[in-house]
Amino acid sequence: MHIRTLSLMAAVLVAAAPSLTEAQSIGERLKQRAADRAKQRGEDALNRKTDEAVDKAIDGGLNAVKCVVTDTECISKARDEGRTVVRTDKAGKTIPADVEIEKQAERAASTRSSGAQGAASAAPAAAAGPARVATAGAWANYDFLPGEKPLVVTDFSGDVIGDFPRRLEAVGGNWEVVEIDGARWMRGNGNRNQFAVKAAAPLPARWTLEFEMLGTAGECWLYPDADDEDQYLIFAPNHTGGYKRNGGSPARVESKEDGAGVPYEARVMVDGTYFKSYVNEKRVVNVPNLAYKRSDRVLFWCDGTEDAPMFIRNVRLAGGGRKLYDALSESGRVATQGIYFDTGKDVIRPESTPTLKEIAAMLSEHADLQLIIEGHTDNVGAAPANLALSQRRADAVRSALVSDYGIDGGRLTAKGLGQTVPATANTTPEGRQQNRRVELVRP
């Protein structure tokens, strides 16, 4: 209320000469009205500042981008670029990130797959030129390198809805396969749900584990030694990771992500007793001496309830991890599972950065080295489409090495072979995964 208005009202009150009680009552009401107006002005100012802050962020001041909550392409692109996502409704109003979990799952990309992925059952039209790497910013220091020998691979596509996945080992609790917007997930509804990723033999000294995770509460604990309950890695739906070792307290590191209700890629890389784990591009565990007894399995122990279930999908356990140049020197060719593509596409995913860096470093250190970059697929889909897709992917790798890492293009030849030269039989998920690869060959 303006000062002139208050002064006028005060003059009227004096002229009316009310009783002391009445004057106190009127004064209290005036104070309350003034306080209410001040509060409203404060809220309006706060809202304006909030809107201005969001606008400033969108303009680049806070490295943010505004995306409609249903626009997964916008959200994924922003994350790949390391930018903050401001979610809005269709009218442009900012909304919180912790939306109902099933709706978030439906909005997640349903066909993301591990490794040098994908047959081309419906290959896209060829691009005008080689596809560039969908990488930058936040992924620059990412150093995960997947094992080249698939041991257990499952996306639940061969499982019956409502059943426990056949390629995993049931241990306890209540897990079942569900389908959300065409994507298969394993859902855990109970407290302390347990399952194991079990290989056919004890794990090698070097191994990697990859999976996608989604939830709104609770945690998943990963035990590399199923018999040691006091030593484990931690992954939580709010994009937190960490570990606990014998005699210590759990240590956690948060990733700067959107948090609970948003799917993310979880990865573990082991070299002897050296453990690293990742939440998307963020390394959250880096422990050089996490001693454990190697066995043939990794045990998962996850919290979940009917109201806040835990979701897991695209599980991939792999062995190996030799340096590319060592393997290339020994046999004249080396296969890598570290170049990632979405199914049926030829754009390199950002988590391919460590492998591309290693290839570029190898070429820089050995100036006389020339390479044939071979693209290979499994046998799912039409052979001509697979052949065309593998050529585009090989071209994309060559283009990335030339454009992003400064390698002389005259030293590199791209060659697509489709499904014509399988590394192993295409009769199992692990075999098909191994056949989806990029090979580097000395001419």
Foldseek 3Di string as FASTA:
>chain_A
DDPVVVVVVVVVCVVVPDDPVVVVVVVVVVVVVVVVVVVVVVVVVVVVVVVVVVVCVCVPPQQENEDALLPLVVVVLSVQAVGHYFYDHPVRHTDAPQDQQLVQVLSDDAFFAAFLDADAQPFDDDDPAFAAASHDDLQQPFADFAFLFWFAWDQCPPPDFQDDRPQKAFDDADWTWDARNNHIKIKGAAFFGKIKRFGPWWADLKKKKKKKKAWADWWKWKAQAPVDPQWTWIDTQQQKIWIGAPPGDTDIDHDPHSGHSHMWMWMWIGHRQFIWIDTHSRIIDTDHHRDDDITRIMMMTIGHHNSMIMIMGGIIMHHHDDQQVVVCVVPQKDWGRLFGDGYSDQHTYHSSVNVLVSVLVVCVVPVVFAKEKEFEAAPPHDQVSQQVSRQSNQSNSLCHSCPVVPDPSVRYHYHYDYHPDQPDDPPDPSSRSSRRTIMIGGD
